[in-house]
Amino acid sequence: LSFNPIEAIPSSIEDLFSLERLDVSHCQLRALPDAICTLSRRFASLRAGFNFIFVLPRKIGNLKGLQELYLPKNLLSVLPQGTIEYMTGLQKLDVSQNRLASIPRGIGLNYGLRELVLSCNQIDKAPRSLMGLTNLNR
């Protein structure tokens, strides 16, 4: 679905029980629906970069099977506390080129994280918990 003028993902996405990957990059999304947080453990990759997303659903942490979350070049100013750190399967997180001023302190609890891309934001202080991410290679 990438590179299409999609402004919203319908809430009926929750009915796609076997969905493993979703690429809605380079669309015109302003938000991700709450329904995306109810997808199964099979859902492994969400690519939603180059949109106008300014907030993530509060329950995005429910996506325990998600391995890749790509959200570069959006309008995010915050990663909700108590979300990313509970995505225990997450290996790659790219939130570069947003408006983030901070990183959730609990991100260091996500020991499986191998790639963390935070460039081109407004972050002035990194939490000490990042030192716990010993598997990072990028």
N, C-alpha and C. Protein backbone atom coordinates (compact mmCIF):
# COMPACT_ATOMS: atom_id res chain seq x y z
N LEU A 1 0.80 -1.21 0.00
CA LEU A 1 0.00 0.00 0.00
C LEU A 1 0.84 1.27 0.00
N SER A 2 2.14 1.13 0.09
CA SER A 2 2.99 2.31 0.13
C SER A 2 2.85 3.13 -1.14
N PHE A 3 3.17 4.41 -1.01
CA PHE A 3 3.09 5.36 -2.14
C PHE A 3 1.68 5.48 -2.71
N ASN A 4 0.68 5.43 -1.85
CA ASN A 4 -0.70 5.66 -2.24
C ASN A 4 -1.27 6.78 -1.37
N PRO A 5 -2.24 7.51 -1.88
CA PRO A 5 -2.78 8.64 -1.11
C PRO A 5 -3.78 8.20 -0.03
N ILE A 6 -3.35 7.29 0.81
CA ILE A 6 -4.20 6.77 1.89
C ILE A 6 -4.11 7.71 3.08
N GLU A 7 -5.25 8.18 3.56
CA GLU A 7 -5.26 9.09 4.70
C GLU A 7 -5.55 8.39 6.02
N ALA A 8 -6.12 7.19 5.94
CA ALA A 8 -6.46 6.46 7.16
C ALA A 8 -6.50 4.97 6.88
N ILE A 9 -6.13 4.21 7.90
CA ILE A 9 -6.23 2.76 7.84
C ILE A 9 -7.55 2.40 8.52
N PRO A 10 -8.43 1.66 7.87
CA PRO A 10 -9.72 1.35 8.48
C PRO A 10 -9.57 0.46 9.71
N SER A 11 -10.48 0.63 10.65
CA SER A 11 -10.43 -0.18 11.88
C SER A 11 -10.67 -1.65 11.58
N SER A 12 -11.19 -1.96 10.43
CA SER A 12 -11.41 -3.36 10.07
C SER A 12 -10.09 -4.11 9.85
N ILE A 13 -8.98 -3.43 9.97
CA ILE A 13 -7.67 -4.10 9.87
C ILE A 13 -7.56 -5.20 10.92
N GLU A 14 -8.27 -5.03 12.01
CA GLU A 14 -8.22 -6.04 13.08
C GLU A 14 -8.76 -7.40 12.62
N ASP A 15 -9.47 -7.42 11.51
CA ASP A 15 -10.01 -8.67 10.97
C ASP A 15 -8.99 -9.45 10.14
N LEU A 16 -7.84 -8.87 9.90
CA LEU A 16 -6.79 -9.54 9.11
C LEU A 16 -5.93 -10.39 10.05
N PHE A 17 -6.44 -11.52 10.41
CA PHE A 17 -5.83 -12.38 11.43
C PHE A 17 -4.46 -12.91 11.04
N SER A 18 -4.19 -13.06 9.77
CA SER A 18 -2.92 -13.63 9.32
C SER A 18 -1.92 -12.57 8.85
N LEU A 19 -2.24 -11.31 9.03
CA LEU A 19 -1.36 -10.24 8.56
C LEU A 19 -0.01 -10.31 9.28
N GLU A 20 1.06 -10.35 8.52
CA GLU A 20 2.41 -10.41 9.08
C GLU A 20 3.18 -9.11 8.87
N ARG A 21 2.91 -8.43 7.76
CA ARG A 21 3.63 -7.21 7.44
C ARG A 21 2.68 -6.18 6.85
N LEU A 22 2.94 -4.92 7.19
CA LEU A 22 2.15 -3.83 6.62
C LEU A 22 3.09 -2.68 6.30
N ASP A 23 3.07 -2.28 5.04
CA ASP A 23 3.88 -1.14 4.60
C ASP A 23 2.96 -0.06 4.08
N VAL A 24 2.84 0.99 4.86
CA VAL A 24 2.04 2.15 4.49
C VAL A 24 2.93 3.40 4.48
N SER A 25 4.15 3.21 4.05
CA SER A 25 5.10 4.32 3.95
C SER A 25 4.72 5.21 2.77
N HIS A 26 5.07 6.47 2.89
CA HIS A 26 4.85 7.43 1.80
C HIS A 26 3.38 7.54 1.43
N CYS A 27 2.52 7.52 2.41
CA CYS A 27 1.10 7.74 2.17
C CYS A 27 0.77 9.13 2.74
N GLN A 28 -0.41 9.30 3.21
CA GLN A 28 -0.80 10.58 3.81
C GLN A 28 -1.46 10.36 5.16
N LEU A 29 -0.97 9.35 5.88
CA LEU A 29 -1.55 8.99 7.18
C LEU A 29 -1.27 10.06 8.22
N ARG A 30 -2.27 10.32 9.05
CA ARG A 30 -2.11 11.26 10.16
C ARG A 30 -2.07 10.51 11.49
N ALA A 31 -2.51 9.26 11.47
CA ALA A 31 -2.55 8.46 12.69
C ALA A 31 -2.62 6.99 12.32
N LEU A 32 -2.32 6.16 13.30
CA LEU A 32 -2.52 4.72 13.17
C LEU A 32 -3.76 4.38 14.01
N PRO A 33 -4.64 3.54 13.51
CA PRO A 33 -5.85 3.24 14.27
C PRO A 33 -5.56 2.38 15.49
N ASP A 34 -6.37 2.53 16.53
CA ASP A 34 -6.23 1.70 17.72
C ASP A 34 -6.35 0.23 17.37
N ALA A 35 -7.14 -0.08 16.35
CA ALA A 35 -7.38 -1.47 15.94
C ALA A 35 -6.09 -2.18 15.54
N ILE A 36 -5.09 -1.43 15.14
CA ILE A 36 -3.83 -2.07 14.73
C ILE A 36 -3.17 -2.76 15.93
N CYS A 37 -3.50 -2.29 17.12
CA CYS A 37 -2.91 -2.85 18.35
C CYS A 37 -3.49 -4.19 18.75
N THR A 38 -4.49 -4.65 18.02
CA THR A 38 -5.13 -5.92 18.35
C THR A 38 -4.70 -7.04 17.39
N LEU A 39 -3.78 -6.74 16.49
CA LEU A 39 -3.33 -7.75 15.54
C LEU A 39 -2.59 -8.87 16.26
N SER A 40 -2.54 -10.02 15.64
CA SER A 40 -1.98 -11.22 16.26
C SER A 40 -0.47 -11.15 16.43
N ARG A 41 0.04 -12.13 17.13
CA ARG A 41 1.49 -12.25 17.33
C ARG A 41 2.23 -12.47 16.02
N ARG A 42 1.53 -12.86 14.98
CA ARG A 42 2.16 -13.05 13.65
C ARG A 42 2.58 -11.73 13.03
N PHE A 43 1.94 -10.65 13.45
CA PHE A 43 2.22 -9.33 12.88
C PHE A 43 3.63 -8.92 13.30
N ALA A 44 4.56 -8.93 12.34
CA ALA A 44 5.98 -8.77 12.65
C ALA A 44 6.60 -7.46 12.17
N SER A 45 5.99 -6.79 11.20
CA SER A 45 6.64 -5.61 10.64
C SER A 45 5.62 -4.54 10.27
N LEU A 46 5.86 -3.35 10.80
CA LEU A 46 5.04 -2.19 10.47
C LEU A 46 5.95 -1.10 9.94
N ARG A 47 5.73 -0.71 8.71
CA ARG A 47 6.47 0.38 8.07
C ARG A 47 5.47 1.50 7.77
N ALA A 48 5.64 2.61 8.46
CA ALA A 48 4.73 3.74 8.29
C ALA A 48 5.51 5.04 8.25
N GLY A 49 6.66 5.01 7.62
CA GLY A 49 7.49 6.20 7.51
C GLY A 49 7.00 7.15 6.44
N PHE A 50 7.48 8.37 6.52
CA PHE A 50 7.18 9.39 5.51
C PHE A 50 5.69 9.68 5.40
N ASN A 51 5.08 9.91 6.56
CA ASN A 51 3.67 10.25 6.66
C ASN A 51 3.54 11.50 7.52
N PHE A 52 2.38 11.71 8.10
CA PHE A 52 2.12 12.87 8.97
C PHE A 52 1.64 12.41 10.34
N ILE A 53 2.11 11.26 10.79
CA ILE A 53 1.67 10.68 12.06
C ILE A 53 2.27 11.49 13.20
N PHE A 54 1.41 11.99 14.08
CA PHE A 54 1.90 12.81 15.19
C PHE A 54 1.74 12.13 16.55
N VAL A 55 0.99 11.04 16.60
CA VAL A 55 0.82 10.32 17.85
C VAL A 55 0.63 8.83 17.55
N LEU A 56 1.15 7.99 18.44
CA LEU A 56 0.99 6.54 18.31
C LEU A 56 -0.16 6.08 19.20
N PRO A 57 -0.84 5.02 18.83
CA PRO A 57 -1.90 4.51 19.72
C PRO A 57 -1.29 4.13 21.07
N ARG A 58 -2.02 4.40 22.13
CA ARG A 58 -1.51 4.11 23.48
C ARG A 58 -1.23 2.63 23.71
N LYS A 59 -1.96 1.78 23.03
CA LYS A 59 -1.81 0.34 23.25
C LYS A 59 -0.88 -0.31 22.24
N ILE A 60 -0.04 0.47 21.58
CA ILE A 60 0.86 -0.12 20.58
C ILE A 60 1.81 -1.13 21.23
N GLY A 61 2.02 -1.00 22.52
CA GLY A 61 2.84 -1.96 23.26
C GLY A 61 2.25 -3.35 23.29
N ASN A 62 0.97 -3.49 22.93
CA ASN A 62 0.33 -4.81 22.88
C ASN A 62 0.85 -5.67 21.73
N LEU A 63 1.56 -5.05 20.80
CA LEU A 63 2.09 -5.79 19.64
C LEU A 63 3.38 -6.51 20.04
N LYS A 64 3.24 -7.51 20.85
CA LYS A 64 4.39 -8.24 21.41
C LYS A 64 5.19 -8.99 20.35
N GLY A 65 4.56 -9.37 19.25
CA GLY A 65 5.26 -10.10 18.20
C GLY A 65 5.94 -9.20 17.17
N LEU A 66 5.72 -7.90 17.28
CA LEU A 66 6.29 -6.97 16.31
C LEU A 66 7.81 -6.97 16.42
N GLN A 67 8.47 -7.20 15.31
CA GLN A 67 9.93 -7.24 15.27
C GLN A 67 10.53 -5.96 14.69
N GLU A 68 9.82 -5.33 13.77
CA GLU A 68 10.31 -4.13 13.11
C GLU A 68 9.26 -3.04 13.15
N LEU A 69 9.65 -1.87 13.63
CA LEU A 69 8.77 -0.72 13.65
C LEU A 69 9.52 0.45 13.03
N TYR A 70 9.09 0.82 11.84
CA TYR A 70 9.74 1.90 11.09
C TYR A 70 8.78 3.08 11.00
N LEU A 71 9.16 4.19 11.63
CA LEU A 71 8.34 5.39 11.63
C LEU A 71 9.15 6.64 11.32
N PRO A 72 10.14 6.56 10.44
CA PRO A 72 10.93 7.76 10.17
C PRO A 72 10.12 8.82 9.42
N LYS A 73 10.55 10.05 9.59
CA LYS A 73 9.99 11.19 8.84
C LYS A 73 8.48 11.32 9.04
N ASN A 74 8.09 11.41 10.31
CA ASN A 74 6.72 11.69 10.69
C ASN A 74 6.73 12.94 11.57
N LEU A 75 5.71 13.12 12.36
CA LEU A 75 5.61 14.30 13.22
C LEU A 75 5.52 13.92 14.70
N LEU A 76 6.09 12.77 15.05
CA LEU A 76 6.02 12.29 16.43
C LEU A 76 6.80 13.20 17.38
N SER A 77 6.17 13.60 18.47
CA SER A 77 6.87 14.40 19.46
C SER A 77 7.14 13.60 20.74
N VAL A 78 6.49 12.44 20.84
CA VAL A 78 6.67 11.61 22.03
C VAL A 78 6.41 10.15 21.67
N LEU A 79 7.16 9.27 22.31
CA LEU A 79 6.87 7.83 22.28
C LEU A 79 6.18 7.55 23.60
N PRO A 80 4.95 7.10 23.57
CA PRO A 80 4.20 6.93 24.82
C PRO A 80 4.94 6.05 25.83
N GLN A 81 5.00 6.53 27.07
CA GLN A 81 5.61 5.78 28.17
C GLN A 81 4.84 4.46 28.32
N GLY A 82 5.55 3.40 28.60
CA GLY A 82 4.90 2.11 28.81
C GLY A 82 4.45 1.43 27.53
N THR A 83 5.11 1.71 26.42
CA THR A 83 4.72 1.06 25.17
C THR A 83 5.89 0.31 24.55
N ILE A 84 6.86 1.01 24.07
CA ILE A 84 7.99 0.41 23.35
C ILE A 84 8.69 -0.63 24.21
N GLU A 85 8.84 -0.35 25.50
CA GLU A 85 9.55 -1.28 26.37
C GLU A 85 8.82 -2.61 26.55
N TYR A 86 7.53 -2.65 26.26
CA TYR A 86 6.77 -3.89 26.40
C TYR A 86 6.65 -4.67 25.09
N MET A 87 7.22 -4.13 24.05
CA MET A 87 7.21 -4.83 22.76
C MET A 87 8.42 -5.77 22.77
N THR A 88 8.27 -6.87 23.44
CA THR A 88 9.38 -7.77 23.73
C THR A 88 10.02 -8.41 22.51
N GLY A 89 9.32 -8.47 21.40
CA GLY A 89 9.88 -9.05 20.19
C GLY A 89 10.60 -8.04 19.31
N LEU A 90 10.52 -6.76 19.67
CA LEU A 90 11.06 -5.70 18.83
C LEU A 90 12.57 -5.79 18.69
N GLN A 91 13.03 -5.84 17.44
CA GLN A 91 14.46 -5.91 17.15
C GLN A 91 14.97 -4.65 16.45
N LYS A 92 14.08 -3.99 15.69
CA LYS A 92 14.48 -2.81 14.92
C LYS A 92 13.46 -1.70 15.14
N LEU A 93 13.95 -0.55 15.57
CA LEU A 93 13.10 0.61 15.78
C LEU A 93 13.74 1.82 15.12
N ASP A 94 13.03 2.43 14.19
CA ASP A 94 13.51 3.63 13.52
C ASP A 94 12.47 4.72 13.68
N VAL A 95 12.81 5.71 14.48
CA VAL A 95 11.95 6.88 14.67
C VAL A 95 12.75 8.15 14.34
N SER A 96 13.62 8.03 13.38
CA SER A 96 14.44 9.17 12.97
C SER A 96 13.59 10.23 12.27
N GLN A 97 14.10 11.42 12.26
CA GLN A 97 13.47 12.55 11.56
C GLN A 97 12.04 12.80 12.02
N ASN A 98 11.87 12.84 13.31
CA ASN A 98 10.60 13.21 13.91
C ASN A 98 10.84 14.44 14.77
N ARG A 99 10.04 14.63 15.78
CA ARG A 99 10.17 15.79 16.68
C ARG A 99 10.34 15.33 18.13
N LEU A 100 10.92 14.17 18.31
CA LEU A 100 11.07 13.60 19.65
C LEU A 100 12.04 14.44 20.49
N ALA A 101 11.61 14.76 21.70
CA ALA A 101 12.46 15.50 22.63
C ALA A 101 13.09 14.57 23.66
N SER A 102 12.52 13.37 23.80
CA SER A 102 13.04 12.42 24.78
C SER A 102 12.73 11.00 24.33
N ILE A 103 13.34 10.07 25.04
CA ILE A 103 13.15 8.64 24.79
C ILE A 103 12.59 8.06 26.08
N PRO A 104 11.61 7.16 26.02
CA PRO A 104 11.10 6.58 27.26
C PRO A 104 12.22 5.90 28.06
N ARG A 105 12.24 6.16 29.36
CA ARG A 105 13.29 5.57 30.22
C ARG A 105 13.33 4.06 30.14
N GLY A 106 12.18 3.43 29.98
CA GLY A 106 12.10 1.98 29.99
C GLY A 106 12.59 1.31 28.72
N ILE A 107 13.01 2.07 27.74
CA ILE A 107 13.44 1.47 26.47
C ILE A 107 14.60 0.51 26.69
N GLY A 108 15.39 0.72 27.71
CA GLY A 108 16.52 -0.15 28.01
C GLY A 108 16.10 -1.55 28.45
N LEU A 109 14.83 -1.74 28.72
CA LEU A 109 14.33 -3.06 29.11
C LEU A 109 14.07 -3.95 27.90
N ASN A 110 14.17 -3.37 26.73
CA ASN A 110 13.92 -4.11 25.50
C ASN A 110 15.24 -4.72 25.02
N TYR A 111 15.66 -5.78 25.68
CA TYR A 111 16.98 -6.38 25.47
C TYR A 111 17.19 -6.96 24.08
N GLY A 112 16.14 -7.26 23.35
CA GLY A 112 16.27 -7.83 22.03
C GLY A 112 16.53 -6.80 20.93
N LEU A 113 16.46 -5.53 21.28
CA LEU A 113 16.64 -4.47 20.29
C LEU A 113 18.05 -4.51 19.71
N ARG A 114 18.12 -4.63 18.38
CA ARG A 114 19.42 -4.69 17.68
C ARG A 114 19.71 -3.41 16.92
N GLU A 115 18.65 -2.75 16.44
CA GLU A 115 18.81 -1.49 15.72
C GLU A 115 17.90 -0.44 16.33
N LEU A 116 18.49 0.69 16.65
CA LEU A 116 17.75 1.82 17.21
C LEU A 116 18.21 3.07 16.50
N VAL A 117 17.33 3.66 15.71
CA VAL A 117 17.70 4.84 14.92
C VAL A 117 16.88 6.02 15.43
N LEU A 118 17.59 7.00 16.01
CA LEU A 118 16.96 8.16 16.62
C LEU A 118 17.45 9.47 16.03
N SER A 119 18.17 9.42 14.94
CA SER A 119 18.80 10.62 14.38
C SER A 119 17.78 11.66 13.93
N CYS A 120 18.23 12.89 13.89
CA CYS A 120 17.43 14.03 13.40
C CYS A 120 16.14 14.23 14.20
N ASN A 121 16.26 14.23 15.50
CA ASN A 121 15.17 14.56 16.41
C ASN A 121 15.63 15.73 17.26
N GLN A 122 14.97 15.97 18.37
CA GLN A 122 15.33 17.06 19.27
C GLN A 122 15.71 16.52 20.64
N ILE A 123 16.28 15.34 20.66
CA ILE A 123 16.65 14.66 21.90
C ILE A 123 17.92 15.30 22.46
N ASP A 124 17.84 15.76 23.70
CA ASP A 124 19.02 16.39 24.30
C ASP A 124 19.64 15.56 25.42
N LYS A 125 18.95 14.49 25.80
CA LYS A 125 19.47 13.64 26.88
C LYS A 125 18.99 12.21 26.67
N ALA A 126 19.91 11.28 26.68
CA ALA A 126 19.57 9.86 26.53
C ALA A 126 19.42 9.23 27.91
N PRO A 127 18.42 8.37 28.09
CA PRO A 127 18.26 7.72 29.40
C PRO A 127 19.40 6.72 29.65
N ARG A 128 19.76 6.57 30.89
CA ARG A 128 20.82 5.62 31.26
C ARG A 128 20.47 4.19 30.88
N SER A 129 19.20 3.91 30.80
CA SER A 129 18.78 2.55 30.50
C SER A 129 19.26 2.09 29.12
N LEU A 130 19.64 3.01 28.24
CA LEU A 130 20.16 2.61 26.93
C LEU A 130 21.41 1.75 27.08
N MET A 131 22.12 1.91 28.17
CA MET A 131 23.33 1.11 28.41
C MET A 131 23.00 -0.37 28.54
N GLY A 132 21.75 -0.71 28.84
CA GLY A 132 21.33 -2.10 28.96
C GLY A 132 21.07 -2.77 27.62
N LEU A 133 21.09 -2.00 26.56
CA LEU A 133 20.81 -2.56 25.23
C LEU A 133 22.10 -3.10 24.62
N THR A 134 22.55 -4.20 25.14
CA THR A 134 23.85 -4.76 24.75
C THR A 134 23.85 -5.42 23.37
N ASN A 135 22.68 -5.66 22.80
CA ASN A 135 22.62 -6.29 21.48
C ASN A 135 22.57 -5.29 20.34
N LEU A 136 22.60 -3.99 20.66
CA LEU A 136 22.55 -2.98 19.62
C LEU A 136 23.77 -3.09 18.71
N ASN A 137 23.52 -3.03 17.42
CA ASN A 137 24.64 -2.99 16.47
C ASN A 137 24.47 -1.82 15.51
N ARG A 138 23.45 -1.04 15.71
CA ARG A 138 23.25 0.16 14.91
C ARG A 138 22.50 1.17 15.72
